[in-house]
Amino acid sequence: ICGMSLASQSSQQDPEGLYYDFGTLNPDHVYINALVFGFGDGNSRMSIGMQEDDNQDGVYDRFTEGTYNTEFVVDWTGWKVVSIPLSSFNLSTVGGFGNTDATGQKDLDRIINIEFLLLAVEGSSGLTGYCMDYLNFTRFEPWQP
């Protein structure tokens, strides 16, 4: 497993810098988009997690606050535009990692961190990897470069 996290404090999305500002609270209207380069290995999965600060104390607590995830297999060769509506993210089912959500719902105004992981497809062997560039969010429709 390897990955990266993008803390909202580094994005300066919100005047206080605590949370991402998507311009809407409706997860059907927000897409996370990126260019993703696949190596054609068929062994690689990308997992994306949105971590919430449900009690708004400025810190994500993995034992009490929600993480909403989505993942997909990167089974292509070359660059591809990937666009995923935030409504397709589901509450994490990994024990002790966001599987409890204090508010019981996706709170787009409380997303404090976005995490990207490289995972191997279960039962696979060999190299895994992908590259990602031009991460962005759009409203109402997927990104069309």
Protein backbone atom coordinates (compact mmCIF):
# COMPACT_ATOMS: atom_id res chain seq x y z
CA ILE A 1 0.00 0.00 0.00
CA CYS A 2 1.22 3.47 -0.79
CA GLY A 3 -0.55 6.73 -1.32
CA MET A 4 -0.91 10.40 -0.61
CA SER A 5 -3.17 12.69 1.37
CA LEU A 6 -4.34 16.16 0.46
CA ALA A 7 -5.26 18.08 3.59
CA SER A 8 -7.73 20.91 3.13
CA GLN A 9 -5.39 23.21 5.08
CA SER A 10 -2.94 23.01 2.19
CA SER A 11 -5.63 23.76 -0.39
CA GLN A 12 -6.86 27.05 1.04
CA GLN A 13 -10.33 26.18 -0.26
CA ASP A 14 -12.13 27.75 2.67
CA PRO A 15 -11.36 31.09 4.38
CA GLU A 16 -10.25 29.29 7.54
CA GLY A 17 -8.54 26.59 5.48
CA LEU A 18 -10.23 23.79 7.45
CA TYR A 19 -12.56 22.20 4.92
CA TYR A 20 -12.89 21.77 1.19
CA ASP A 21 -15.44 24.11 -0.38
CA PHE A 22 -17.27 22.37 -3.22
CA GLY A 23 -19.78 25.16 -3.73
CA THR A 24 -22.70 22.85 -2.94
CA LEU A 25 -23.71 20.31 -0.31
CA ASN A 26 -25.32 17.97 -2.85
CA PRO A 27 -22.97 15.02 -3.58
CA ASP A 28 -24.85 14.35 -6.86
CA HIS A 29 -23.56 17.69 -8.14
CA VAL A 30 -19.82 17.30 -7.39
CA TYR A 31 -17.31 15.23 -9.37
CA ILE A 32 -13.72 14.41 -8.48
CA ASN A 33 -11.71 14.25 -11.68
CA ALA A 34 -8.15 13.43 -12.67
CA LEU A 35 -6.00 12.20 -15.48
CA VAL A 36 -4.89 8.68 -14.52
CA PHE A 37 -2.09 6.84 -16.30
CA GLY A 38 -2.34 3.06 -16.29
CA PHE A 39 0.51 0.69 -17.08
CA GLY A 40 -1.77 -2.08 -18.37
CA ASP A 41 -0.79 -4.47 -15.58
CA GLY A 42 -4.39 -5.14 -14.45
CA ASN A 43 -3.06 -5.52 -10.89
CA SER A 44 -3.62 -1.94 -9.69
CA ARG A 45 -6.54 -0.45 -7.79
CA MET A 46 -7.01 3.21 -6.94
CA SER A 47 -8.83 3.92 -3.69
CA ILE A 48 -10.03 7.44 -2.93
CA GLY A 49 -11.22 8.37 0.57
CA MET A 50 -12.90 11.56 1.75
CA GLN A 51 -12.39 12.03 5.47
CA GLU A 52 -14.88 14.10 7.45
CA ASP A 53 -14.40 16.17 10.57
CA ASP A 54 -17.90 15.47 11.89
CA ASN A 55 -17.51 17.31 15.20
CA GLN A 56 -15.74 20.25 13.50
CA ASP A 57 -12.80 20.34 15.88
CA GLY A 58 -10.29 20.65 13.03
CA VAL A 59 -9.02 17.05 13.29
CA TYR A 60 -10.12 13.80 11.65
CA ASP A 61 -10.57 10.95 14.18
CA ARG A 62 -10.65 7.61 12.36
CA PHE A 63 -12.52 5.93 15.23
CA THR A 64 -15.51 8.28 15.40
CA GLU A 65 -15.70 10.25 12.16
CA GLY A 66 -16.67 9.14 8.68
CA THR A 67 -14.58 8.24 5.69
CA TYR A 68 -16.35 7.76 2.38
CA ASN A 69 -14.50 5.66 -0.21
CA THR A 70 -14.62 4.56 -3.78
CA GLU A 71 -12.17 2.41 -5.68
CA PHE A 72 -11.65 1.06 -9.15
CA VAL A 73 -9.20 -1.14 -11.04
CA VAL A 74 -6.71 0.72 -13.24
CA ASP A 75 -6.63 -1.81 -16.08
CA TRP A 76 -5.80 0.38 -19.07
CA THR A 77 -2.58 1.58 -20.71
CA GLY A 78 -1.92 5.30 -21.08
CA TRP A 79 -3.77 8.38 -19.86
CA LYS A 80 -7.51 8.35 -19.20
CA VAL A 81 -9.87 10.95 -17.73
CA VAL A 82 -11.53 9.58 -14.60
CA SER A 83 -14.60 11.42 -13.23
CA ILE A 84 -16.50 10.12 -10.21
CA PRO A 85 -19.55 11.75 -8.61
CA LEU A 86 -19.19 12.12 -4.85
CA SER A 87 -22.61 10.49 -4.50
CA SER A 88 -21.00 7.17 -5.51
CA PHE A 89 -18.68 7.18 -2.47
CA ASN A 90 -19.78 4.79 0.30
CA LEU A 91 -19.09 4.76 4.02
CA SER A 92 -15.86 2.87 4.67
CA THR A 93 -16.33 -0.64 5.98
CA VAL A 94 -12.77 -1.04 7.23
CA GLY A 95 -12.97 -1.52 11.01
CA GLY A 96 -11.54 1.38 12.97
CA PHE A 97 -11.09 3.49 9.86
CA GLY A 98 -14.05 5.73 9.26
CA ASN A 99 -16.66 2.99 9.51
CA THR A 100 -18.49 5.03 12.14
CA ASP A 101 -19.92 8.37 11.07
CA ALA A 102 -21.03 10.68 13.87
CA THR A 103 -23.64 12.44 11.70
CA GLY A 104 -24.68 9.37 9.69
CA GLN A 105 -24.47 11.18 6.35
CA LYS A 106 -22.02 12.61 3.84
CA ASP A 107 -21.16 16.10 4.98
CA LEU A 108 -19.46 17.85 2.06
CA ASP A 109 -18.91 20.93 4.20
CA ARG A 110 -16.78 18.88 6.64
CA ILE A 111 -14.32 17.15 4.27
CA ILE A 112 -10.93 17.81 5.84
CA ASN A 113 -8.72 15.36 3.95
CA ILE A 114 -8.72 13.41 0.69
CA GLU A 115 -6.62 10.26 0.52
CA PHE A 116 -5.44 8.32 -2.53
CA LEU A 117 -4.13 4.78 -2.17
CA LEU A 118 -2.45 2.35 -4.54
CA LEU A 119 -3.65 -1.16 -3.79
CA ALA A 120 -3.07 -4.47 -5.52
CA VAL A 121 -6.00 -6.37 -6.95
CA GLU A 122 -6.73 -9.25 -4.58
CA GLY A 123 -4.99 -12.46 -5.62
CA SER A 124 -2.72 -10.72 -8.11
CA SER A 125 1.06 -10.77 -8.24
CA GLY A 126 3.60 -8.62 -10.00
CA LEU A 127 4.05 -4.91 -10.33
CA THR A 128 1.35 -2.39 -9.55
CA GLY A 129 1.21 1.31 -10.19
CA TYR A 130 -0.54 4.29 -11.70
CA CYS A 131 0.17 7.98 -12.16
CA MET A 132 -2.23 10.81 -11.51
CA ASP A 133 -2.22 14.39 -12.75
CA TYR A 134 -4.52 17.39 -12.85
CA LEU A 135 -6.77 16.53 -9.93
CA ASN A 136 -9.81 18.82 -9.92
CA PHE A 137 -13.44 19.08 -8.88
CA THR A 138 -16.34 20.09 -11.10
CA ARG A 139 -19.99 20.82 -10.39
CA PHE A 140 -22.98 19.48 -12.30
CA GLU A 141 -21.00 17.50 -14.90
CA PRO A 142 -17.80 15.48 -15.26
CA TRP A 143 -14.62 17.20 -16.39
CA GLN A 144 -14.20 17.39 -20.13
CA PRO A 145 -10.67 18.62 -20.95
